[in-house]
Protein backbone atom coordinates (compact mmCIF):
# COMPACT_ATOMS: atom_id res chain seq x y z
CA MET A 1 0.00 0.00 0.00
CA SER A 2 1.33 3.44 -0.85
CA ASP A 3 1.95 6.23 1.62
CA ILE A 4 -1.02 8.15 0.18
CA GLY A 5 -3.35 5.22 0.88
CA ARG A 6 -2.05 4.85 4.44
CA ASN A 7 -2.40 8.57 5.10
CA GLN A 8 -5.96 8.54 3.78
CA GLU A 9 -6.89 5.54 5.95
CA SER A 10 -5.27 7.20 8.95
CA ALA A 11 -7.24 10.40 8.35
CA GLU A 12 -10.51 8.45 8.01
CA PHE A 13 -9.79 6.57 11.24
CA ARG A 14 -9.11 9.83 13.12
CA GLU A 15 -12.32 11.32 11.77
CA GLU A 16 -14.38 8.32 12.88
CA ALA A 17 -12.72 8.39 16.30
CA ASP A 18 -13.70 12.06 16.57
CA SER A 19 -17.26 11.07 15.65
CA LEU A 20 -17.36 8.64 18.55
CA TRP A 21 -16.16 11.35 20.91
CA ARG A 22 -18.87 13.71 19.66
CA LEU A 23 -21.45 11.00 20.28
CA THR A 24 -20.43 10.60 23.91
CA LEU A 25 -19.42 14.11 24.92
CA GLY A 26 -22.88 15.72 24.66
CA PRO A 27 -24.52 13.36 27.18
CA LEU A 28 -21.36 13.49 29.32
CA VAL A 29 -21.54 17.29 29.51
CA TRP A 30 -25.21 17.00 30.46
CA ALA A 31 -24.44 14.45 33.19
CA LEU A 32 -21.57 16.49 34.63
CA HIS A 33 -23.73 19.62 34.61
CA PHE A 34 -26.46 17.72 36.45
CA VAL A 35 -24.14 16.30 39.12
CA ILE A 36 -22.28 19.56 39.74
CA SER A 37 -25.46 21.67 39.83
CA TYR A 38 -27.42 19.46 42.20
CA GLY A 39 -24.38 18.56 44.29
CA ALA A 40 -23.44 22.20 44.81
CA THR A 41 -27.05 23.06 45.64
CA ALA A 42 -27.24 20.30 48.22
CA LEU A 43 -23.98 21.40 49.82
CA VAL A 44 -24.93 25.06 49.97
CA CYS A 45 -28.42 24.42 51.31
CA ALA A 46 -27.30 21.83 53.88
CA ARG A 47 -24.02 23.33 55.09
CA ILE A 48 -24.59 27.04 54.92
CA ALA A 49 -28.31 26.84 55.69
CA GLY A 50 -29.11 28.75 52.54
CA SER A 51 -27.91 32.25 53.41
CA ALA A 52 -28.89 34.85 50.83
CA GLU A 53 -25.29 35.52 49.82
CA ALA A 54 -24.52 31.84 49.39
CA VAL A 55 -27.66 31.25 47.32
CA ALA A 56 -26.85 34.25 45.10
CA LEU A 57 -23.32 32.95 44.57
CA LEU A 58 -24.68 29.46 43.87
CA ARG A 59 -27.10 30.81 41.28
CA LEU A 60 -24.32 32.76 39.61
CA GLY A 61 -22.05 29.71 39.56
CA ILE A 62 -24.71 27.42 38.13
CA GLY A 63 -25.59 30.08 35.56
CA ALA A 64 -21.96 30.26 34.43
CA LEU A 65 -21.72 26.46 34.37
CA THR A 66 -24.90 26.30 32.30
CA LEU A 67 -23.58 28.81 29.77
CA LEU A 68 -20.37 26.80 29.44
CA ALA A 69 -22.29 23.53 29.01
CA VAL A 70 -24.66 25.05 26.45
CA ALA A 71 -21.75 26.49 24.46
CA LEU A 72 -19.93 23.15 24.43
CA ILE A 73 -23.05 21.21 23.42
CA LEU A 74 -23.86 23.72 20.68
CA TRP A 75 -20.33 23.36 19.32
CA LEU A 76 -20.62 19.55 19.38
CA GLY A 77 -24.02 19.73 17.68
CA TRP A 78 -22.70 22.06 14.99
CA ARG A 79 -19.77 19.75 14.27
CA SER A 80 -22.13 16.76 14.09
CA TRP A 81 -24.52 18.67 11.80
CA ARG A 82 -21.65 19.39 9.43
CA GLN A 83 -20.67 15.72 9.47
CA TRP A 84 -24.24 14.62 8.77
CA ASP A 85 -24.12 16.76 5.60
CA VAL A 86 -27.86 16.55 4.95
CA ILE A 87 -28.08 19.99 3.33
CA ARG A 88 -25.56 19.26 0.57
CA ASP A 89 -26.71 15.81 -0.53
CA ARG A 90 -30.35 15.82 0.69
CA ASP A 91 -29.92 12.18 1.72
CA TRP A 92 -32.02 11.66 4.86
CA GLU A 93 -31.41 7.92 4.91
CA ASN A 94 -28.03 6.27 5.25
CA ASP A 95 -28.95 2.62 4.93
CA GLN A 96 -26.50 1.30 2.34
CA GLY A 97 -23.71 0.37 4.77
CA HIS A 98 -20.97 2.17 2.86
CA SER A 99 -18.31 4.05 4.76
CA GLU A 100 -19.84 7.41 3.75
CA ASP A 101 -23.26 6.25 4.99
CA ARG A 102 -21.77 5.21 8.33
CA HIS A 103 -19.93 8.51 8.58
CA GLN A 104 -23.11 10.52 7.96
CA PHE A 105 -25.12 8.34 10.35
CA MET A 106 -22.59 9.06 13.11
CA GLY A 107 -23.08 12.76 12.43
CA HIS A 108 -26.86 12.35 12.52
CA ALA A 109 -26.74 10.45 15.82
CA GLY A 110 -24.29 12.96 17.31
CA PHE A 111 -26.55 15.86 16.30
CA LEU A 112 -29.62 14.26 17.87
CA LEU A 113 -27.73 13.47 21.08
CA ALA A 114 -26.54 17.08 21.22
CA VAL A 115 -30.15 18.29 20.91
CA ILE A 116 -31.29 15.97 23.71
CA SER A 117 -28.34 17.00 25.87
CA LEU A 118 -29.08 20.68 25.32
CA ILE A 119 -32.69 20.19 26.41
CA GLY A 120 -31.47 18.29 29.48
CA VAL A 121 -29.05 21.05 30.49
CA VAL A 122 -31.76 23.69 30.14
CA TYR A 123 -34.17 21.67 32.29
CA VAL A 124 -31.52 21.10 34.95
CA ALA A 125 -30.86 24.84 35.09
CA LEU A 126 -34.53 25.88 35.33
CA PRO A 127 -34.77 25.56 39.13
CA VAL A 128 -31.94 28.09 39.46
CA LEU A 129 -34.06 30.62 37.61
CA LEU A 130 -37.30 29.77 39.39
CA ILE A 131 -36.28 29.14 43.01
CA GLY A 132 -34.87 31.97 45.08
CA SER A 133 -33.92 30.23 48.32
CA CYS A 134 -33.27 26.85 49.91
CA ALA A 135 -36.34 27.08 52.15
């Protein structure tokens, strides 16, 4: 096999490995956001008895964490959307089993997982906006 063929296979392998990371990182960001948000809330409300300053700082921290999580998930979703490539080829189905079909399916799945993860992060952050104290 020539060096060009090996380089092309290596590039395809790296791209598919990146696709797998995009599939898992959206839900992972959602899960980490959930654990940190609810864990910090439990600590602040149990340890500090929910003082107004602590609750305000908690809300600010969870708000910043939410913005970071949303930005990361949007970036992952955008990358997956580009990989799906549905706008250019108008192919909504990838059922042939070719390498290009698998590649686009991974993009499709990554995009849908990013959408679900984004909804999850927003729902986890809603209590911060709606609840003013630990009481």
